[in-house]
Amino acid sequence: MHMLIDGKEVAAANETWMDVINPATSEVLGHVPAGTKTDVDAAVESAEAAFGTWSKKTTRERGLILYHAAELVRQNHQALGRQLTLEQGKPIREAIDEVRGCANILEYYASIAGKPAGEAIQLGNAGDCMVTREPLGVCGAIIPWNMPVLIMGWKVGPALLAGNTLVLKPASRTPLTTLKIAAILRDAGVPPGVLNVVTGAGETVGAALVKHPSVQKISFTGDCATGHQIREMTAHQNKEITLELGGSDPMIVMADADIDRAVEGAIRGRFYNAGQVCTAVKRLYLHEKIAPAFTKKLKARTEALHVGDGLLPATDIGPMTGKDQLARIAAQVEEAREREEGTILCGGCTLPGKEYERGFFYQPTLVADVAPGTSLVTNEIFGPVLPVMTFPDLDAAIGDANRTRYGLGASVWTKDIGTVKRVYREVRAGIIWVNRHLALPPEIPFGGVNESGIGRENGYNALESYSRTKTLYLGW
C-alpha cells in the first residue's frame, strides 16, 4: 500500500519499502513506503495549502463529512476487522469491535458539530467581549500499534472537526488498516490535503513531524521514553502537545464485591488484546478476606483461555504484536522467577506445539504473592501477565495503588459508595472505574497524570485541545 498525501496514493521519496508482518504466522502481509523527511515536508505543505478552505467550512459541514465516513467504516467493518487482525494479531471479534469503535468516535464528533464554541461577556460601562475558538492549523498525530484504528479515530475526529488539517504517522507494524480508513475518509468527502498519512520509522518520519516548524500541535500515544523526547523536541517551539503514555492500572477488589463479576472484569481487563493496552489491569489487589476464593476462580478462568491465531473463532488471546514484545514479556517473567518475586500460578512461558512455532504467542500468566517494589509492580507489563496481591483494608489498598510513577486509570470493585468516594478522591489517576475497567466511550475524556502523560483524548475536552481562544473586545 502507498502513503496518502494531498489525496493521492504515493510511494516514498527514496522509493524504499517496509514489510508488514502477521504476528501469528511471521508471514509478510504487504509493504508500505519507508517515508522520509522529504515526504513529511510534502505532507505538511499539502496540509498548509488545504487549511484555508477547510477551516472556513462550518463545523456542521465538517461534521457531515465525518458522519458519512462513520457510515462507510461501519459498512466495511468485517473486511477492516480482518485486516486489523492480520497485522496486529488480536482476535477477530476484538478487531471488529475496534473498527466499530472508530466509527462511533467519528459519529460522536459529527453529533456535536452544532455545539456553540465560545461565550459573550458583558462588561458594563467597560464594553462587551466575545470569545470564540479557532483551529490551530496543521497538526501532527502519531499513533501506536496496539489500538491503531481506535486511536486514529481519537485524533482524526476532533482535529478535523475543529477545522485543522492533519498529518498522521501510523505505527510501522500496523499501518495497513489505518491507510484503508484514511482512504474511506477521503471517499467520504475529506478534501485533498486535509488528512495525510506518512508511513515510516519513528526516528525519521515521527521526528520530522514533531520538529516541523509549521506543525502547531502534536498528539502522541505511545511509550513514556518517546513521550519525553517529544516534550524535549517541542519545548523551544511552544507547540501544543497531547501525550497519552504508559500506565500501570490498579484494580482494587473489596470484600463486599461481586466476586464472579470482578473475576470476569480482571480477565477482560488484563487479557484483552493480549494485555497490550495502556490502561489495562496491570496490578490486581484483593482484600485478604476474599483473596483465596477469588484467586481460585481467576486461575480456572485464566487456564481456560484459548491462545491462537486471531482469525480462528475459538481464540480468546492472539499473539503479541512483535517478536521484541514477546521477548520483553518473557524476560520480565523470567526475572521475577529468578528473583523469587512471586509465585507463578499458571502460564509463565511461551506455548509449545506446531501451531505456535512461527508466531509470537505467550501463555496468559498469573503471579501471586508479589511483594511491593518488585519489578512486576514497578515496571509496566505490556502483555498477558497479571501480578496478584492482597491488602487488609482500604487505607492499604489506596497506598498500594498510588505506589507507582504512572497514573492512567484505576478501578474499584465494591457495593459501598463511601469506598467509591475515597478511591475517587485519593487514587491518583485520570479515570476511576467502578465495577468495571477499560470502558472508554467517545463522550468521556481520557488521559493520565504523572508519567502517564498530559492532555486528554475524547469528549469535548479533546475538541477544545485542537483549538485556541480568540477575543474580540468591543469598547463602545
Foldseek 3Di string as FASTA:
>chain_A
DAWAAQNDGDAAPVNDWDFAAQQLFRDTPDIYHAHFLVVLVRLQVLQQVCLVVLQPDQLLVLLQLLLLLLVVLLVCLQVLLVLLCRLFWAASVLSSVLSNLLSLLSNVLSVCSVPAAWDKAQDPLQFIKTKGWAFQEEAEEEEESLSQSNVVSLQVRLLSSRRYAYEYEYHQNRCPSVRVSVNSSVVSPDGGSRYTYDYHDCVGSVLSRLQPLRHQEYEYEEALVVVVVSCVSCVVNPHHYWYQHAAAAEEEEEPAFPLVLVLVQLCCQQCRSQNQDRFGHQEYEYAPVCVVVSVVVNLVVLVPAAEAGSHDPSHPHTAHSDQVLLVVLLVLLVVCVVVVQFAKPDWNAADDDDSRPRHHGGRQTETEPGDPPDPSQADGRRGRYHYYYYDHDLVVVLVSQQPYQWAFEYEYGHPDVVSVVCCVVRRAHPYYYYSHTDDDRQQDWGFTDGSSTDFTTHHVRSSSSSIDMDMDGGRD
